[in-house]
Amino acid sequence: MHNHQIKVLNHLDNGNTLTQAEAIKLFKCYRLSAVINRLRSGGYDIKTHYEKNTLSNGNHARYELRGKQS
């Protein structure tokens, strides 16, 4: 598992959610969707919630860990 995967997984496993902007600020992780994809491929159940942007038009994703699939 790569460094960003470990940091993101630990953050989510502690009950937190995460957006791309937060991942950049907290972990300097600029490809959060790729990290989430790898974690999902590893069996983690990660839910995507879409939220409206507050400063511009459009939406962004917020990720939440639901658990590990067996």
PDB file of N, CA and C in Angstrom:
ATOM      1  N   MET A   1       0.849  -1.173   0.000  1.00  0.00           N
ATOM      2  CA  MET A   1       0.000   0.000   0.000  1.00  0.00           C
ATOM      3  C   MET A   1       0.897   1.240   0.000  1.00  0.00           C
ATOM      4  N   HIS A   2       0.551   2.228  -0.815  1.00  0.00           N
ATOM      5  CA  HIS A   2       1.341   3.448  -0.941  1.00  0.00           C
ATOM      6  C   HIS A   2       1.029   4.431   0.188  1.00  0.00           C
ATOM      7  N   ASN A   3       1.913   5.411   0.364  1.00  0.00           N
ATOM      8  CA  ASN A   3       1.831   6.385   1.446  1.00  0.00           C
ATOM      9  C   ASN A   3       0.484   7.115   1.483  1.00  0.00           C
ATOM     10  N   HIS A   4       0.038   7.628   0.324  1.00  0.00           N
ATOM     11  CA  HIS A   4      -1.242   8.338   0.302  1.00  0.00           C
ATOM     12  C   HIS A   4      -2.401   7.404   0.635  1.00  0.00           C
ATOM     13  N   GLN A   5      -2.328   6.174   0.188  1.00  0.00           N
ATOM     14  CA  GLN A   5      -3.385   5.213   0.506  1.00  0.00           C
ATOM     15  C   GLN A   5      -3.475   5.001   2.017  1.00  0.00           C
ATOM     16  N   ILE A   6      -2.352   4.869   2.667  1.00  0.00           N
ATOM     17  CA  ILE A   6      -2.317   4.656   4.118  1.00  0.00           C
ATOM     18  C   ILE A   6      -2.899   5.864   4.847  1.00  0.00           C
ATOM     19  N   LYS A   7      -2.475   7.065   4.452  1.00  0.00           N
ATOM     20  CA  LYS A   7      -2.961   8.282   5.108  1.00  0.00           C
ATOM     21  C   LYS A   7      -4.463   8.464   4.909  1.00  0.00           C
ATOM     22  N   VAL A   8      -4.929   8.270   3.683  1.00  0.00           N
ATOM     23  CA  VAL A   8      -6.355   8.421   3.389  1.00  0.00           C
ATOM     24  C   VAL A   8      -7.161   7.364   4.136  1.00  0.00           C
ATOM     25  N   LEU A   9      -6.709   6.124   4.110  1.00  0.00           N
ATOM     26  CA  LEU A   9      -7.420   5.048   4.797  1.00  0.00           C
ATOM     27  C   LEU A   9      -7.484   5.306   6.299  1.00  0.00           C
ATOM     28  N   ASN A  10      -6.391   5.725   6.912  1.00  0.00           N
ATOM     29  CA  ASN A  10      -6.393   6.030   8.347  1.00  0.00           C
ATOM     30  C   ASN A  10      -7.376   7.151   8.666  1.00  0.00           C
ATOM     31  N   HIS A  11      -7.390   8.182   7.825  1.00  0.00           N
ATOM     32  CA  HIS A  11      -8.304   9.310   8.018  1.00  0.00           C
ATOM     33  C   HIS A  11      -9.759   8.841   7.958  1.00  0.00           C
ATOM     34  N   LEU A  12     -10.080   8.058   6.936  1.00  0.00           N
ATOM     35  CA  LEU A  12     -11.445   7.559   6.778  1.00  0.00           C
ATOM     36  C   LEU A  12     -11.803   6.560   7.877  1.00  0.00           C
ATOM     37  N   ASP A  13     -10.847   5.734   8.269  1.00  0.00           N
ATOM     38  CA  ASP A  13     -11.084   4.712   9.291  1.00  0.00           C
ATOM     39  C   ASP A  13     -11.358   5.326  10.665  1.00  0.00           C
ATOM     40  N   ASN A  14     -10.905   6.562  10.872  1.00  0.00           N
ATOM     41  CA  ASN A  14     -11.170   7.269  12.129  1.00  0.00           C
ATOM     42  C   ASN A  14     -12.551   7.923  12.141  1.00  0.00           C
ATOM     43  N   GLY A  15     -13.365   7.634  11.115  1.00  0.00           N
ATOM     44  CA  GLY A  15     -14.725   8.156  11.077  1.00  0.00           C
ATOM     45  C   GLY A  15     -14.879   9.476  10.350  1.00  0.00           C
ATOM     46  N   ASN A  16     -13.802   9.945   9.730  1.00  0.00           N
ATOM     47  CA  ASN A  16     -13.841  11.202   8.994  1.00  0.00           C
ATOM     48  C   ASN A  16     -14.248  10.967   7.546  1.00  0.00           C
ATOM     49  N   THR A  17     -14.752  12.015   6.901  1.00  0.00           N
ATOM     50  CA  THR A  17     -14.977  12.004   5.462  1.00  0.00           C
ATOM     51  C   THR A  17     -13.863  12.825   4.829  1.00  0.00           C
ATOM     52  N   LEU A  18     -13.792  12.802   3.483  1.00  0.00           N
ATOM     53  CA  LEU A  18     -12.679  13.482   2.823  1.00  0.00           C
ATOM     54  C   LEU A  18     -13.081  13.952   1.432  1.00  0.00           C
ATOM     55  N   THR A  19     -12.706  15.196   1.106  1.00  0.00           N
ATOM     56  CA  THR A  19     -12.871  15.740  -0.242  1.00  0.00           C
ATOM     57  C   THR A  19     -11.492  15.927  -0.861  1.00  0.00           C
ATOM     58  N   GLN A  20     -11.462  16.216  -2.158  1.00  0.00           N
ATOM     59  CA  GLN A  20     -10.187  16.462  -2.835  1.00  0.00           C
ATOM     60  C   GLN A  20      -9.465  17.654  -2.207  1.00  0.00           C
ATOM     61  N   ALA A  21     -10.188  18.738  -1.935  1.00  0.00           N
ATOM     62  CA  ALA A  21      -9.566  19.928  -1.342  1.00  0.00           C
ATOM     63  C   ALA A  21      -8.953  19.607   0.023  1.00  0.00           C
ATOM     64  N   GLU A  22      -9.651  18.814   0.826  1.00  0.00           N
ATOM     65  CA  GLU A  22      -9.130  18.423   2.137  1.00  0.00           C
ATOM     66  C   GLU A  22      -7.913  17.518   1.995  1.00  0.00           C
ATOM     67  N   ALA A  23      -7.933  16.620   1.013  1.00  0.00           N
ATOM     68  CA  ALA A  23      -6.804  15.707   0.793  1.00  0.00           C
ATOM     69  C   ALA A  23      -5.550  16.477   0.395  1.00  0.00           C
ATOM     70  N   ILE A  24      -5.715  17.520  -0.402  1.00  0.00           N
ATOM     71  CA  ILE A  24      -4.565  18.351  -0.779  1.00  0.00           C
ATOM     72  C   ILE A  24      -4.018  19.057   0.453  1.00  0.00           C
ATOM     73  N   LYS A  25      -4.909  19.651   1.231  1.00  0.00           N
ATOM     74  CA  LYS A  25      -4.496  20.407   2.416  1.00  0.00           C
ATOM     75  C   LYS A  25      -3.843  19.514   3.470  1.00  0.00           C
ATOM     76  N   LEU A  26      -4.439  18.356   3.727  1.00  0.00           N
ATOM     77  CA  LEU A  26      -3.951  17.477   4.793  1.00  0.00           C
ATOM     78  C   LEU A  26      -2.753  16.622   4.390  1.00  0.00           C
ATOM     79  N   PHE A  27      -2.776  16.091   3.162  1.00  0.00           N
ATOM     80  CA  PHE A  27      -1.797  15.078   2.765  1.00  0.00           C
ATOM     81  C   PHE A  27      -1.007  15.405   1.507  1.00  0.00           C
ATOM     82  N   LYS A  28      -1.273  16.578   0.900  1.00  0.00           N
ATOM     83  CA  LYS A  28      -0.680  16.917  -0.401  1.00  0.00           C
ATOM     84  C   LYS A  28      -0.977  15.825  -1.436  1.00  0.00           C
ATOM     85  N   CYS A  29      -2.191  15.305  -1.367  1.00  0.00           N
ATOM     86  CA  CYS A  29      -2.656  14.245  -2.266  1.00  0.00           C
ATOM     87  C   CYS A  29      -3.509  14.879  -3.359  1.00  0.00           C
ATOM     88  N   TYR A  30      -2.979  14.915  -4.575  1.00  0.00           N
ATOM     89  CA  TYR A  30      -3.642  15.589  -5.690  1.00  0.00           C
ATOM     90  C   TYR A  30      -4.472  14.638  -6.551  1.00  0.00           C
ATOM     91  N   ARG A  31      -4.446  13.346  -6.272  1.00  0.00           N
ATOM     92  CA  ARG A  31      -5.206  12.369  -7.067  1.00  0.00           C
ATOM     93  C   ARG A  31      -6.036  11.483  -6.147  1.00  0.00           C
ATOM     94  N   LEU A  32      -6.885  12.116  -5.362  1.00  0.00           N
ATOM     95  CA  LEU A  32      -7.678  11.381  -4.380  1.00  0.00           C
ATOM     96  C   LEU A  32      -8.554  10.325  -5.034  1.00  0.00           C
ATOM     97  N   SER A  33      -9.147  10.627  -6.183  1.00  0.00           N
ATOM     98  CA  SER A  33     -10.022   9.637  -6.829  1.00  0.00           C
ATOM     99  C   SER A  33      -9.251   8.368  -7.189  1.00  0.00           C
ATOM    100  N   ALA A  34      -7.985   8.507  -7.579  1.00  0.00           N
ATOM    101  CA  ALA A  34      -7.160   7.330  -7.888  1.00  0.00           C
ATOM    102  C   ALA A  34      -6.863   6.531  -6.619  1.00  0.00           C
ATOM    103  N   VAL A  35      -6.595   7.230  -5.528  1.00  0.00           N
ATOM    104  CA  VAL A  35      -6.344   6.561  -4.246  1.00  0.00           C
ATOM    105  C   VAL A  35      -7.598   5.809  -3.799  1.00  0.00           C
ATOM    106  N   ILE A  36      -8.749   6.450  -3.913  1.00  0.00           N
ATOM    107  CA  ILE A  36     -10.017   5.816  -3.541  1.00  0.00           C
ATOM    108  C   ILE A  36     -10.260   4.585  -4.407  1.00  0.00           C
ATOM    109  N   ASN A  37      -9.976   4.694  -5.694  1.00  0.00           N
ATOM    110  CA  ASN A  37     -10.153   3.563  -6.607  1.00  0.00           C
ATOM    111  C   ASN A  37      -9.280   2.377  -6.192  1.00  0.00           C
ATOM    112  N   ARG A  38      -8.036   2.636  -5.820  1.00  0.00           N
ATOM    113  CA  ARG A  38      -7.137   1.561  -5.371  1.00  0.00           C
ATOM    114  C   ARG A  38      -7.646   0.924  -4.075  1.00  0.00           C
ATOM    115  N   LEU A  39      -8.130   1.754  -3.163  1.00  0.00           N
ATOM    116  CA  LEU A  39      -8.665   1.218  -1.907  1.00  0.00           C
ATOM    117  C   LEU A  39      -9.899   0.357  -2.169  1.00  0.00           C
ATOM    118  N   ARG A  40     -10.755   0.816  -3.059  1.00  0.00           N
ATOM    119  CA  ARG A  40     -11.936   0.011  -3.418  1.00  0.00           C
ATOM    120  C   ARG A  40     -11.514  -1.317  -4.039  1.00  0.00           C
ATOM    121  N   SER A  41     -10.496  -1.280  -4.890  1.00  0.00           N
ATOM    122  CA  SER A  41      -9.988  -2.513  -5.508  1.00  0.00           C
ATOM    123  C   SER A  41      -9.420  -3.457  -4.460  1.00  0.00           C
ATOM    124  N   GLY A  42      -8.958  -2.891  -3.350  1.00  0.00           N
ATOM    125  CA  GLY A  42      -8.428  -3.687  -2.249  1.00  0.00           C
ATOM    126  C   GLY A  42      -9.500  -4.200  -1.302  1.00  0.00           C
ATOM    127  N   GLY A  43     -10.766  -3.941  -1.623  1.00  0.00           N
ATOM    128  CA  GLY A  43     -11.850  -4.492  -0.826  1.00  0.00           C
ATOM    129  C   GLY A  43     -12.522  -3.533   0.137  1.00  0.00           C
ATOM    130  N   TYR A  44     -12.134  -2.269   0.128  1.00  0.00           N
ATOM    131  CA  TYR A  44     -12.751  -1.308   1.041  1.00  0.00           C
ATOM    132  C   TYR A  44     -14.027  -0.753   0.433  1.00  0.00           C
ATOM    133  N   ASP A  45     -15.075  -0.684   1.250  1.00  0.00           N
ATOM    134  CA  ASP A  45     -16.376  -0.166   0.827  1.00  0.00           C
ATOM    135  C   ASP A  45     -16.400   1.330   1.121  1.00  0.00           C
ATOM    136  N   ILE A  46     -16.172   2.131   0.090  1.00  0.00           N
ATOM    137  CA  ILE A  46     -16.111   3.580   0.235  1.00  0.00           C
ATOM    138  C   ILE A  46     -17.262   4.193  -0.548  1.00  0.00           C
ATOM    139  N   LYS A  47     -18.091   4.951   0.149  1.00  0.00           N
ATOM    140  CA  LYS A  47     -19.275   5.592  -0.433  1.00  0.00           C
ATOM    141  C   LYS A  47     -18.899   6.987  -0.922  1.00  0.00           C
ATOM    142  N   THR A  48     -19.426   7.366  -2.080  1.00  0.00           N
ATOM    143  CA  THR A  48     -19.228   8.704  -2.625  1.00  0.00           C
ATOM    144  C   THR A  48     -20.508   9.503  -2.451  1.00  0.00           C
ATOM    145  N   HIS A  49     -20.384  10.666  -1.820  1.00  0.00           N
ATOM    146  CA  HIS A  49     -21.493  11.610  -1.689  1.00  0.00           C
ATOM    147  C   HIS A  49     -21.144  12.823  -2.546  1.00  0.00           C
ATOM    148  N   TYR A  50     -22.082  13.294  -3.351  1.00  0.00           N
ATOM    149  CA  TYR A  50     -21.836  14.481  -4.171  1.00  0.00           C
ATOM    150  C   TYR A  50     -22.482  15.687  -3.508  1.00  0.00           C
ATOM    151  N   GLU A  51     -21.700  16.780  -3.427  1.00  0.00           N
ATOM    152  CA  GLU A  51     -22.155  18.007  -2.785  1.00  0.00           C
ATOM    153  C   GLU A  51     -21.995  19.173  -3.751  1.00  0.00           C
ATOM    154  N   LYS A  52     -22.853  20.172  -3.613  1.00  0.00           N
ATOM    155  CA  LYS A  52     -22.723  21.376  -4.427  1.00  0.00           C
ATOM    156  C   LYS A  52     -21.536  22.193  -3.929  1.00  0.00           C
ATOM    157  N   ASN A  53     -20.780  22.763  -4.872  1.00  0.00           N
ATOM    158  CA  ASN A  53     -19.689  23.661  -4.513  1.00  0.00           C
ATOM    159  C   ASN A  53     -20.267  24.945  -3.930  1.00  0.00           C
ATOM    160  N   THR A  54     -19.600  25.494  -2.934  1.00  0.00           N
ATOM    161  CA  THR A  54     -20.084  26.734  -2.324  1.00  0.00           C
ATOM    162  C   THR A  54     -19.525  27.968  -3.019  1.00  0.00           C
ATOM    163  N   LEU A  55     -18.366  27.866  -3.637  1.00  0.00           N
ATOM    164  CA  LEU A  55     -17.726  29.031  -4.248  1.00  0.00           C
ATOM    165  C   LEU A  55     -17.859  29.091  -5.762  1.00  0.00           C
ATOM    166  N   SER A  56     -18.327  28.030  -6.379  1.00  0.00           N
ATOM    167  CA  SER A  56     -18.461  28.005  -7.837  1.00  0.00           C
ATOM    168  C   SER A  56     -19.578  27.038  -8.222  1.00  0.00           C
ATOM    169  N   ASN A  57     -19.889  27.018  -9.503  1.00  0.00           N
ATOM    170  CA  ASN A  57     -20.894  26.077  -9.996  1.00  0.00           C
ATOM    171  C   ASN A  57     -20.335  24.661  -9.984  1.00  0.00           C
ATOM    172  N   GLY A  58     -21.215  23.687  -9.934  1.00  0.00           N
ATOM    173  CA  GLY A  58     -20.785  22.299 -10.023  1.00  0.00           C
ATOM    174  C   GLY A  58     -20.868  21.576  -8.699  1.00  0.00           C
ATOM    175  N   ASN A  59     -20.318  20.376  -8.697  1.00  0.00           N
ATOM    176  CA  ASN A  59     -20.339  19.491  -7.535  1.00  0.00           C
ATOM    177  C   ASN A  59     -18.936  18.972  -7.251  1.00  0.00           C
ATOM    178  N   HIS A  60     -18.766  18.442  -6.059  1.00  0.00           N
ATOM    179  CA  HIS A  60     -17.530  17.739  -5.719  1.00  0.00           C
ATOM    180  C   HIS A  60     -17.897  16.492  -4.919  1.00  0.00           C
ATOM    181  N   ALA A  61     -16.972  15.563  -4.860  1.00  0.00           N
ATOM    182  CA  ALA A  61     -17.196  14.298  -4.164  1.00  0.00           C
ATOM    183  C   ALA A  61     -16.673  14.374  -2.735  1.00  0.00           C
ATOM    184  N   ARG A  62     -17.404  13.754  -1.832  1.00  0.00           N
ATOM    185  CA  ARG A  62     -16.957  13.550  -0.452  1.00  0.00           C
ATOM    186  C   ARG A  62     -17.007  12.047  -0.211  1.00  0.00           C
ATOM    187  N   TYR A  63     -15.903  11.483   0.261  1.00  0.00           N
ATOM    188  CA  TYR A  63     -15.783  10.040   0.433  1.00  0.00           C
ATOM    189  C   TYR A  63     -15.947   9.653   1.899  1.00  0.00           C
ATOM    190  N   GLU A  64     -16.583   8.503   2.103  1.00  0.00           N
ATOM    191  CA  GLU A  64     -16.839   7.975   3.440  1.00  0.00           C
ATOM    192  C   GLU A  64     -16.576   6.472   3.438  1.00  0.00           C
ATOM    193  N   LEU A  65     -15.835   5.997   4.418  1.00  0.00           N
ATOM    194  CA  LEU A  65     -15.552   4.566   4.543  1.00  0.00           C
ATOM    195  C   LEU A  65     -16.715   3.879   5.236  1.00  0.00           C
ATOM    196  N   ARG A  66     -17.237   2.842   4.595  1.00  0.00           N
ATOM    197  CA  ARG A  66     -18.324   2.054   5.171  1.00  0.00           C
ATOM    198  C   ARG A  66     -17.795   0.786   5.823  1.00  0.00           C
ATOM    199  N   GLY A  67     -16.618   0.334   5.432  1.00  0.00           N
ATOM    200  CA  GLY A  67     -16.042  -0.878   5.998  1.00  0.00           C
ATOM    201  C   GLY A  67     -15.213  -1.615   4.966  1.00  0.00           C
ATOM    202  N   LYS A  68     -14.752  -2.792   5.333  1.00  0.00           N
ATOM    203  CA  LYS A  68     -13.971  -3.635   4.429  1.00  0.00           C
ATOM    204  C   LYS A  68     -14.834  -4.813   4.031  1.00  0.00           C
ATOM    205  N   GLN A  69     -14.910  -5.047   2.726  1.00  0.00           N
ATOM    206  CA  GLN A  69     -15.681  -6.179   2.222  1.00  0.00           C
ATOM    207  C   GLN A  69     -14.873  -7.449   2.418  1.00  0.00           C
ATOM    208  N   SER A  70     -15.567  -8.528   2.738  1.00  0.00           N
ATOM    209  CA  SER A  70     -14.847  -9.795   2.954  1.00  0.00           C
ATOM    210  C   SER A  70     -14.702 -10.578   1.685  1.00  0.00           C
TER     211      SER A  70
END
